[in-house]
Amino acid sequence: VTEVKGFGRQKGHTELYRGAEYVVDFLPKVKIEVVLTED
């Protein structure tokens, strides 16, 4: 498991912090990696 940041169709969003608006370009996500047999 890895903590990652990114965006797709969401393209980020704006947030309000201490009265100032700012753009969050990359949203927090989690990446899970698993190696498995075909079945």
All heavy atoms as atom14 arrays in JSON, in Angstrom:
{
  "sequence": "VTEVKGFGRQKGHTELYRGAEYVVDFLPKVKIEVVLTED",
  "atom14_mask": [
    [1, 1, 1, 1, 1, 1, 1, 0, 0, 0, 0, 0, 0, 0],
    [1, 1, 1, 1, 1, 1, 1, 0, 0, 0, 0, 0, 0, 0],
    [1, 1, 1, 1, 1, 1, 1, 1, 1, 0, 0, 0, 0, 0],
    [1, 1, 1, 1, 1, 1, 1, 0, 0, 0, 0, 0, 0, 0],
    [1, 1, 1, 1, 1, 1, 1, 1, 1, 0, 0, 0, 0, 0],
    [1, 1, 1, 1, 0, 0, 0, 0, 0, 0, 0, 0, 0, 0],
    [1, 1, 1, 1, 1, 1, 1, 1, 1, 1, 1, 0, 0, 0],
    [1, 1, 1, 1, 0, 0, 0, 0, 0, 0, 0, 0, 0, 0],
    [1, 1, 1, 1, 1, 1, 1, 1, 1, 1, 1, 0, 0, 0],
    [1, 1, 1, 1, 1, 1, 1, 1, 1, 0, 0, 0, 0, 0],
    [1, 1, 1, 1, 1, 1, 1, 1, 1, 0, 0, 0, 0, 0],
    [1, 1, 1, 1, 0, 0, 0, 0, 0, 0, 0, 0, 0, 0],
    [1, 1, 1, 1, 1, 1, 1, 1, 1, 1, 0, 0, 0, 0],
    [1, 1, 1, 1, 1, 1, 1, 0, 0, 0, 0, 0, 0, 0],
    [1, 1, 1, 1, 1, 1, 1, 1, 1, 0, 0, 0, 0, 0],
    [1, 1, 1, 1, 1, 1, 1, 1, 0, 0, 0, 0, 0, 0],
    [1, 1, 1, 1, 1, 1, 1, 1, 1, 1, 1, 1, 0, 0],
    [1, 1, 1, 1, 1, 1, 1, 1, 1, 1, 1, 0, 0, 0],
    [1, 1, 1, 1, 0, 0, 0, 0, 0, 0, 0, 0, 0, 0],
    [1, 1, 1, 1, 1, 0, 0, 0, 0, 0, 0, 0, 0, 0],
    [1, 1, 1, 1, 1, 1, 1, 1, 1, 0, 0, 0, 0, 0],
    [1, 1, 1, 1, 1, 1, 1, 1, 1, 1, 1, 1, 0, 0],
    [1, 1, 1, 1, 1, 1, 1, 0, 0, 0, 0, 0, 0, 0],
    [1, 1, 1, 1, 1, 1, 1, 0, 0, 0, 0, 0, 0, 0],
    [1, 1, 1, 1, 1, 1, 1, 1, 0, 0, 0, 0, 0, 0],
    [1, 1, 1, 1, 1, 1, 1, 1, 1, 1, 1, 0, 0, 0],
    [1, 1, 1, 1, 1, 1, 1, 1, 0, 0, 0, 0, 0, 0],
    [1, 1, 1, 1, 1, 1, 1, 0, 0, 0, 0, 0, 0, 0],
    [1, 1, 1, 1, 1, 1, 1, 1, 1, 0, 0, 0, 0, 0],
    [1, 1, 1, 1, 1, 1, 1, 0, 0, 0, 0, 0, 0, 0],
    [1, 1, 1, 1, 1, 1, 1, 1, 1, 0, 0, 0, 0, 0],
    [1, 1, 1, 1, 1, 1, 1, 1, 0, 0, 0, 0, 0, 0],
    [1, 1, 1, 1, 1, 1, 1, 1, 1, 0, 0, 0, 0, 0],
    [1, 1, 1, 1, 1, 1, 1, 0, 0, 0, 0, 0, 0, 0],
    [1, 1, 1, 1, 1, 1, 1, 0, 0, 0, 0, 0, 0, 0],
    [1, 1, 1, 1, 1, 1, 1, 1, 0, 0, 0, 0, 0, 0],
    [1, 1, 1, 1, 1, 1, 1, 0, 0, 0, 0, 0, 0, 0],
    [1, 1, 1, 1, 1, 1, 1, 1, 1, 0, 0, 0, 0, 0],
    [1, 1, 1, 1, 1, 1, 1, 1, 0, 0, 0, 0, 0, 0]
  ],
  "atom14_positions": [
    [[0.85, -1.19, 0.0], [0.0, 0.0, 0.0], [0.89, 1.24, 0.0], [1.84, 1.33, 0.77], [-0.92, 0.02, 1.24], [-1.73, 1.3, 1.29], [-1.82, -1.19, 1.26], [0.0, 0.0, 0.0], [0.0, 0.0, 0.0], [0.0, 0.0, 0.0], [0.0, 0.0, 0.0], [0.0, 0.0, 0.0], [0.0, 0.0, 0.0], [0.0, 0.0, 0.0]],
    [[0.56, 2.18, -0.87], [1.3, 3.44, -0.97], [0.31, 4.59, -0.97], [-0.71, 4.53, -1.64], [2.1, 3.49, -2.3], [2.85, 2.29, -2.45], [3.05, 4.66, -2.32], [0.0, 0.0, 0.0], [0.0, 0.0, 0.0], [0.0, 0.0, 0.0], [0.0, 0.0, 0.0], [0.0, 0.0, 0.0], [0.0, 0.0, 0.0], [0.0, 0.0, 0.0]],
    [[0.64, 5.63, -0.2], [-0.18, 6.84, -0.25], [0.28, 7.65, -1.45], [1.47, 7.93, -1.6], [-0.01, 7.65, 1.03], [-0.62, 6.99, 2.24], [-0.49, 7.81, 3.51], [-0.09, 8.99, 3.43], [-0.76, 7.26, 4.58], [0.0, 0.0, 0.0], [0.0, 0.0, 0.0], [0.0, 0.0, 0.0], [0.0, 0.0, 0.0], [0.0, 0.0, 0.0]],
    [[-0.67, 8.0, -2.32], [-0.35, 8.74, -3.54], [-1.29, 9.93, -3.67], [-2.27, 10.05, -2.95], [-0.45, 7.83, -4.79], [0.59, 6.74, -4.75], [-1.84, 7.25, -4.95], [0.0, 0.0, 0.0], [0.0, 0.0, 0.0], [0.0, 0.0, 0.0], [0.0, 0.0, 0.0], [0.0, 0.0, 0.0], [0.0, 0.0, 0.0], [0.0, 0.0, 0.0]],
    [[-0.99, 10.8, -4.62], [-1.86, 11.93, -4.93], [-2.06, 11.97, -6.43], [-1.16, 11.63, -7.19], [-1.23, 13.25, -4.47], [-1.18, 13.4, -2.97], [-0.63, 14.74, -2.6], [-0.63, 14.87, -1.09], [-0.26, 16.22, -0.67], [0.0, 0.0, 0.0], [0.0, 0.0, 0.0], [0.0, 0.0, 0.0], [0.0, 0.0, 0.0], [0.0, 0.0, 0.0]],
    [[-3.23, 12.39, -6.85], [-3.48, 12.48, -8.27], [-4.87, 13.01, -8.55], [-5.6, 13.38, -7.64], [0.0, 0.0, 0.0], [0.0, 0.0, 0.0], [0.0, 0.0, 0.0], [0.0, 0.0, 0.0], [0.0, 0.0, 0.0], [0.0, 0.0, 0.0], [0.0, 0.0, 0.0], [0.0, 0.0, 0.0], [0.0, 0.0, 0.0], [0.0, 0.0, 0.0]],
    [[-5.22, 13.03, -9.83], [-6.57, 13.42, -10.21], [-6.91, 12.81, -11.54], [-6.04, 12.48, -12.34], [-6.73, 14.95, -10.25], [-5.97, 15.62, -11.35], [-6.54, 15.8, -12.6], [-4.68, 16.07, -11.14], [-5.84, 16.42, -13.62], [-3.97, 16.69, -12.14], [-4.54, 16.87, -13.39], [0.0, 0.0, 0.0], [0.0, 0.0, 0.0], [0.0, 0.0, 0.0]],
    [[-8.19, 12.64, -11.76], [-8.7, 12.15, -13.04], [-9.68, 13.17, -13.56], [-9.35, 14.33, -13.73], [0.0, 0.0, 0.0], [0.0, 0.0, 0.0], [0.0, 0.0, 0.0], [0.0, 0.0, 0.0], [0.0, 0.0, 0.0], [0.0, 0.0, 0.0], [0.0, 0.0, 0.0], [0.0, 0.0, 0.0], [0.0, 0.0, 0.0], [0.0, 0.0, 0.0]],
    [[-10.91, 12.73, -13.71], [-11.95, 13.64, -14.19], [-12.28, 14.71, -13.16], [-12.83, 15.75, -13.5], [-13.22, 12.86, -14.53], [-13.04, 12.0, -15.75], [-14.33, 11.34, -16.12], [-14.13, 10.43, -17.22], [-14.94, 9.46, -17.53], [-16.04, 9.26, -16.83], [-14.68, 8.67, -18.55], [0.0, 0.0, 0.0], [0.0, 0.0, 0.0], [0.0, 0.0, 0.0]],
    [[-11.97, 14.44, -11.9], [-12.28, 15.4, -10.84], [-11.54, 16.71, -11.03], [-12.03, 17.77, -10.69], [-11.89, 14.83, -9.47], [-12.73, 13.68, -9.03], [-12.11, 13.03, -7.81], [-11.1, 12.36, -7.92], [-12.7, 13.26, -6.68], [0.0, 0.0, 0.0], [0.0, 0.0, 0.0], [0.0, 0.0, 0.0], [0.0, 0.0, 0.0], [0.0, 0.0, 0.0]],
    [[-10.33, 16.63, -11.52], [-9.46, 17.79, -11.73], [-9.31, 18.64, -10.48], [-9.23, 19.85, -10.53], [-9.99, 18.63, -12.88], [-9.99, 17.9, -14.2], [-10.35, 18.81, -15.33], [-10.23, 18.1, -16.65], [-11.37, 17.3, -17.01], [0.0, 0.0, 0.0], [0.0, 0.0, 0.0], [0.0, 0.0, 0.0], [0.0, 0.0, 0.0], [0.0, 0.0, 0.0]],
    [[-9.28, 17.99, -9.32], [-9.08, 18.73, -8.07], [-10.34, 19.48, -7.66], [-11.41, 19.31, -8.21], [0.0, 0.0, 0.0], [0.0, 0.0, 0.0], [0.0, 0.0, 0.0], [0.0, 0.0, 0.0], [0.0, 0.0, 0.0], [0.0, 0.0, 0.0], [0.0, 0.0, 0.0], [0.0, 0.0, 0.0], [0.0, 0.0, 0.0], [0.0, 0.0, 0.0]],
    [[-10.17, 20.35, -6.67], [-11.29, 21.16, -6.19], [-10.73, 22.34, -5.4], [-9.54, 22.41, -5.11], [-12.24, 20.32, -5.33], [-11.6, 19.77, -4.09], [-10.85, 18.63, -4.09], [-11.6, 20.23, -2.83], [-10.41, 18.4, -2.85], [-10.85, 19.35, -2.07], [0.0, 0.0, 0.0], [0.0, 0.0, 0.0], [0.0, 0.0, 0.0], [0.0, 0.0, 0.0]],
    [[-11.6, 23.29, -5.03], [-11.16, 24.43, -4.23], [-11.6, 24.22, -2.78], [-12.63, 23.62, -2.51], [-11.74, 25.75, -4.76], [-13.16, 25.65, -4.75], [-11.26, 26.04, -6.16], [0.0, 0.0, 0.0], [0.0, 0.0, 0.0], [0.0, 0.0, 0.0], [0.0, 0.0, 0.0], [0.0, 0.0, 0.0], [0.0, 0.0, 0.0], [0.0, 0.0, 0.0]],
    [[-10.77, 24.71, -1.87], [-11.09, 24.64, -0.45], [-10.89, 26.01, 0.17], [-10.19, 26.86, -0.37], [-10.19, 23.61, 0.26], [-10.56, 22.19, -0.06], [-9.85, 21.18, 0.83], [-9.15, 21.59, 1.78], [-9.98, 19.98, 0.56], [0.0, 0.0, 0.0], [0.0, 0.0, 0.0], [0.0, 0.0, 0.0], [0.0, 0.0, 0.0], [0.0, 0.0, 0.0]],
    [[-11.5, 26.19, 1.33], [-11.38, 27.44, 2.06], [-10.55, 27.19, 3.31], [-10.85, 26.28, 4.09], [-12.8, 27.92, 2.44], [-12.96, 29.38, 2.82], [-12.55, 30.29, 1.67], [-14.39, 29.65, 3.22], [0.0, 0.0, 0.0], [0.0, 0.0, 0.0], [0.0, 0.0, 0.0], [0.0, 0.0, 0.0], [0.0, 0.0, 0.0], [0.0, 0.0, 0.0]],
    [[-9.47, 27.95, 3.5], [-8.62, 27.81, 4.68], [-8.33, 29.19, 5.24], [-7.76, 30.05, 4.57], [-7.31, 27.1, 4.3], [-6.38, 26.93, 5.47], [-6.66, 26.0, 6.47], [-5.23, 27.69, 5.57], [-5.8, 25.85, 7.55], [-4.38, 27.54, 6.65], [-4.67, 26.62, 7.63], [-3.82, 26.46, 8.71], [0.0, 0.0, 0.0], [0.0, 0.0, 0.0]],
    [[-8.8, 29.44, 6.46], [-8.62, 30.72, 7.13], [-9.08, 31.9, 6.27], [-8.4, 32.91, 6.14], [-7.17, 30.91, 7.57], [-6.75, 29.94, 8.63], [-5.41, 30.28, 9.17], [-5.07, 29.36, 10.26], [-4.01, 29.45, 10.99], [-3.13, 30.41, 10.77], [-3.77, 28.58, 11.95], [0.0, 0.0, 0.0], [0.0, 0.0, 0.0], [0.0, 0.0, 0.0]],
    [[-10.2, 31.7, 5.63], [-10.8, 32.76, 4.84], [-10.25, 32.91, 3.44], [-10.76, 33.7, 2.66], [0.0, 0.0, 0.0], [0.0, 0.0, 0.0], [0.0, 0.0, 0.0], [0.0, 0.0, 0.0], [0.0, 0.0, 0.0], [0.0, 0.0, 0.0], [0.0, 0.0, 0.0], [0.0, 0.0, 0.0], [0.0, 0.0, 0.0], [0.0, 0.0, 0.0]],
    [[-9.22, 32.14, 3.1], [-8.64, 32.24, 1.76], [-8.99, 30.98, 0.97], [-8.91, 29.87, 1.49], [-7.13, 32.41, 1.85], [0.0, 0.0, 0.0], [0.0, 0.0, 0.0], [0.0, 0.0, 0.0], [0.0, 0.0, 0.0], [0.0, 0.0, 0.0], [0.0, 0.0, 0.0], [0.0, 0.0, 0.0], [0.0, 0.0, 0.0], [0.0, 0.0, 0.0]],
    [[-9.34, 31.17, -0.28], [-9.65, 30.05, -1.15], [-8.38, 29.57, -1.83], [-7.55, 30.38, -2.26], [-10.66, 30.49, -2.22], [-11.82, 29.56, -2.37], [-12.79, 30.01, -3.44], [-12.36, 30.17, -4.59], [-13.96, 30.2, -3.1], [0.0, 0.0, 0.0], [0.0, 0.0, 0.0], [0.0, 0.0, 0.0], [0.0, 0.0, 0.0], [0.0, 0.0, 0.0]],
    [[-8.18, 28.28, -1.91], [-7.05, 27.76, -2.66], [-7.46, 26.49, -3.39], [-8.4, 25.83, -3.02], [-5.83, 27.52, -1.75], [-6.01, 26.42, -0.74], [-5.5, 25.15, -0.98], [-6.68, 26.64, 0.46], [-5.66, 24.14, -0.07], [-6.84, 25.63, 1.38], [-6.32, 24.38, 1.11], [-6.48, 23.37, 2.03], [0.0, 0.0, 0.0], [0.0, 0.0, 0.0]],
    [[-6.72, 26.19, -4.44], [-7.04, 25.05, -5.31], [-6.23, 23.83, -4.87], [-5.03, 23.93, -4.69], [-6.74, 25.39, -6.79], [-7.0, 24.18, -7.68], [-7.57, 26.57, -7.24], [0.0, 0.0, 0.0], [0.0, 0.0, 0.0], [0.0, 0.0, 0.0], [0.0, 0.0, 0.0], [0.0, 0.0, 0.0], [0.0, 0.0, 0.0], [0.0, 0.0, 0.0]],
    [[-6.91, 22.72, -4.71], [-6.25, 21.45, -4.43], [-6.21, 20.7, -5.76], [-7.22, 20.18, -6.22], [-7.03, 20.64, -3.36], [-6.35, 19.3, -3.12], [-7.15, 21.43, -2.08], [0.0, 0.0, 0.0], [0.0, 0.0, 0.0], [0.0, 0.0, 0.0], [0.0, 0.0, 0.0], [0.0, 0.0, 0.0], [0.0, 0.0, 0.0], [0.0, 0.0, 0.0]],
    [[-5.02, 20.7, -6.39], [-4.89, 20.07, -7.71], [-4.83, 18.55, -7.61], [-5.38, 17.85, -8.45], [-3.62, 20.56, -8.4], [-3.74, 22.01, -8.85], [-4.87, 22.43, -9.15], [-2.72, 22.7, -8.86], [0.0, 0.0, 0.0], [0.0, 0.0, 0.0], [0.0, 0.0, 0.0], [0.0, 0.0, 0.0], [0.0, 0.0, 0.0], [0.0, 0.0, 0.0]],
    [[-4.13, 18.04, -6.62], [-3.95, 16.6, -6.48], [-4.68, 16.11, -5.23], [-4.46, 16.61, -4.14], [-2.46, 16.26, -6.39], [-1.72, 16.6, -7.64], [-0.99, 17.78, -7.73], [-1.76, 15.77, -8.74], [-0.31, 18.11, -8.89], [-1.09, 16.08, -9.91], [-0.36, 17.26, -9.97], [0.0, 0.0, 0.0], [0.0, 0.0, 0.0], [0.0, 0.0, 0.0]],
    [[-5.53, 15.12, -5.43], [-6.32, 14.59, -4.33], [-5.63, 13.37, -3.73], [-5.01, 12.58, -4.44], [-7.71, 14.2, -4.85], [-8.48, 15.35, -5.5], [-9.73, 14.82, -6.17], [-8.83, 16.39, -4.47], [0.0, 0.0, 0.0], [0.0, 0.0, 0.0], [0.0, 0.0, 0.0], [0.0, 0.0, 0.0], [0.0, 0.0, 0.0], [0.0, 0.0, 0.0]],
    [[-5.74, 13.19, -2.41], [-5.1, 12.03, -1.78], [-5.81, 10.73, -2.18], [-7.03, 10.65, -2.19], [-5.25, 12.3, -0.28], [-6.37, 13.26, -0.17], [-6.4, 14.05, -1.44], [0.0, 0.0, 0.0], [0.0, 0.0, 0.0], [0.0, 0.0, 0.0], [0.0, 0.0, 0.0], [0.0, 0.0, 0.0], [0.0, 0.0, 0.0], [0.0, 0.0, 0.0]],
    [[-5.01, 9.75, -2.52], [-5.51, 8.42, -2.9], [-4.59, 7.38, -2.27], [-3.55, 7.72, -1.72], [-5.51, 8.23, -4.43], [-6.35, 9.22, -5.21], [-7.82, 8.96, -5.05], [-8.64, 9.96, -5.87], [-10.04, 9.71, -5.75], [0.0, 0.0, 0.0], [0.0, 0.0, 0.0], [0.0, 0.0, 0.0], [0.0, 0.0, 0.0], [0.0, 0.0, 0.0]],
    [[-4.98, 6.13, -2.39], [-4.15, 5.02, -1.93], [-3.97, 4.06, -3.1], [-4.92, 3.77, -3.82], [-4.82, 4.28, -0.74], [-4.06, 3.02, -0.38], [-4.93, 5.19, 0.46], [0.0, 0.0, 0.0], [0.0, 0.0, 0.0], [0.0, 0.0, 0.0], [0.0, 0.0, 0.0], [0.0, 0.0, 0.0], [0.0, 0.0, 0.0], [0.0, 0.0, 0.0]],
    [[-2.73, 3.6, -3.29], [-2.45, 2.63, -4.36], [-2.14, 1.29, -3.7], [-1.27, 1.19, -2.84], [-1.28, 3.06, -5.22], [-0.95, 2.03, -6.31], [-0.06, 2.57, -7.39], [1.37, 2.6, -6.98], [2.3, 2.89, -8.1], [0.0, 0.0, 0.0], [0.0, 0.0, 0.0], [0.0, 0.0, 0.0], [0.0, 0.0, 0.0], [0.0, 0.0, 0.0]],
    [[-2.89, 0.27, -4.12], [-2.69, -1.1, -3.63], [-2.08, -1.89, -4.77], [-2.56, -1.84, -5.9], [-4.03, -1.73, -3.23], [-4.67, -0.93, -2.11], [-3.83, -3.19, -2.82], [-6.09, -1.34, -1.81], [0.0, 0.0, 0.0], [0.0, 0.0, 0.0], [0.0, 0.0, 0.0], [0.0, 0.0, 0.0], [0.0, 0.0, 0.0], [0.0, 0.0, 0.0]],
    [[-1.02, -2.63, -4.46], [-0.37, -3.48, -5.46], [-0.37, -4.92, -4.97], [-0.02, -5.19, -3.82], [1.06, -3.02, -5.7], [1.15, -1.61, -6.27], [2.57, -1.12, -6.39], [3.2, -1.37, -7.44], [3.06, -0.52, -5.42], [0.0, 0.0, 0.0], [0.0, 0.0, 0.0], [0.0, 0.0, 0.0], [0.0, 0.0, 0.0], [0.0, 0.0, 0.0]],
    [[-0.78, -5.83, -5.85], [-0.84, -7.26, -5.53], [-0.39, -8.04, -6.75], [-0.83, -7.76, -7.86], [-2.29, -7.69, -5.17], [-2.31, -9.13, -4.74], [-2.89, -6.8, -4.12], [0.0, 0.0, 0.0], [0.0, 0.0, 0.0], [0.0, 0.0, 0.0], [0.0, 0.0, 0.0], [0.0, 0.0, 0.0], [0.0, 0.0, 0.0], [0.0, 0.0, 0.0]],
    [[0.49, -9.02, -6.55], [0.88, -9.92, -7.63], [0.24, -11.27, -7.37], [0.37, -11.83, -6.28], [2.42, -10.05, -7.73], [2.8, -11.06, -8.81], [3.05, -8.7, -8.02], [0.0, 0.0, 0.0], [0.0, 0.0, 0.0], [0.0, 0.0, 0.0], [0.0, 0.0, 0.0], [0.0, 0.0, 0.0], [0.0, 0.0, 0.0], [0.0, 0.0, 0.0]],
    [[-0.48, -11.78, -8.38], [-1.27, -12.99, -8.22], [-1.11, -13.93, -9.4], [-0.7, -13.53, -10.48], [-2.76, -12.62, -8.12], [-3.17, -11.67, -7.01], [-4.59, -11.2, -7.23], [-3.04, -12.34, -5.67], [0.0, 0.0, 0.0], [0.0, 0.0, 0.0], [0.0, 0.0, 0.0], [0.0, 0.0, 0.0], [0.0, 0.0, 0.0], [0.0, 0.0, 0.0]],
    [[-1.49, -15.18, -9.17], [-1.56, -16.14, -10.26], [-2.82, -15.84, -11.07], [-3.75, -15.2, -10.6], [-1.61, -17.59, -9.72], [-2.7, -17.7, -8.81], [-0.31, -17.95, -9.01], [0.0, 0.0, 0.0], [0.0, 0.0, 0.0], [0.0, 0.0, 0.0], [0.0, 0.0, 0.0], [0.0, 0.0, 0.0], [0.0, 0.0, 0.0], [0.0, 0.0, 0.0]],
    [[-2.84, -16.35, -12.29], [-3.94, -16.05, -13.23], [-5.33, -16.38, -12.66], [-6.28, -15.65, -12.88], [-3.75, -16.83, -14.53], [-2.47, -16.51, -15.28], [-2.54, -15.23, -16.08], [-3.65, -14.79, -16.39], [-1.47, -14.7, -16.39], [0.0, 0.0, 0.0], [0.0, 0.0, 0.0], [0.0, 0.0, 0.0], [0.0, 0.0, 0.0], [0.0, 0.0, 0.0]],
    [[-5.44, -17.47, -11.92], [-6.75, -17.92, -11.43], [-7.33, -17.02, -10.35], [-8.52, -17.07, -10.07], [-6.68, -19.37, -10.94], [-5.69, -19.55, -9.8], [-4.61, -18.92, -9.84], [-5.98, -20.34, -8.88], [0.0, 0.0, 0.0], [0.0, 0.0, 0.0], [0.0, 0.0, 0.0], [0.0, 0.0, 0.0], [0.0, 0.0, 0.0], [0.0, 0.0, 0.0]]
  ]
}
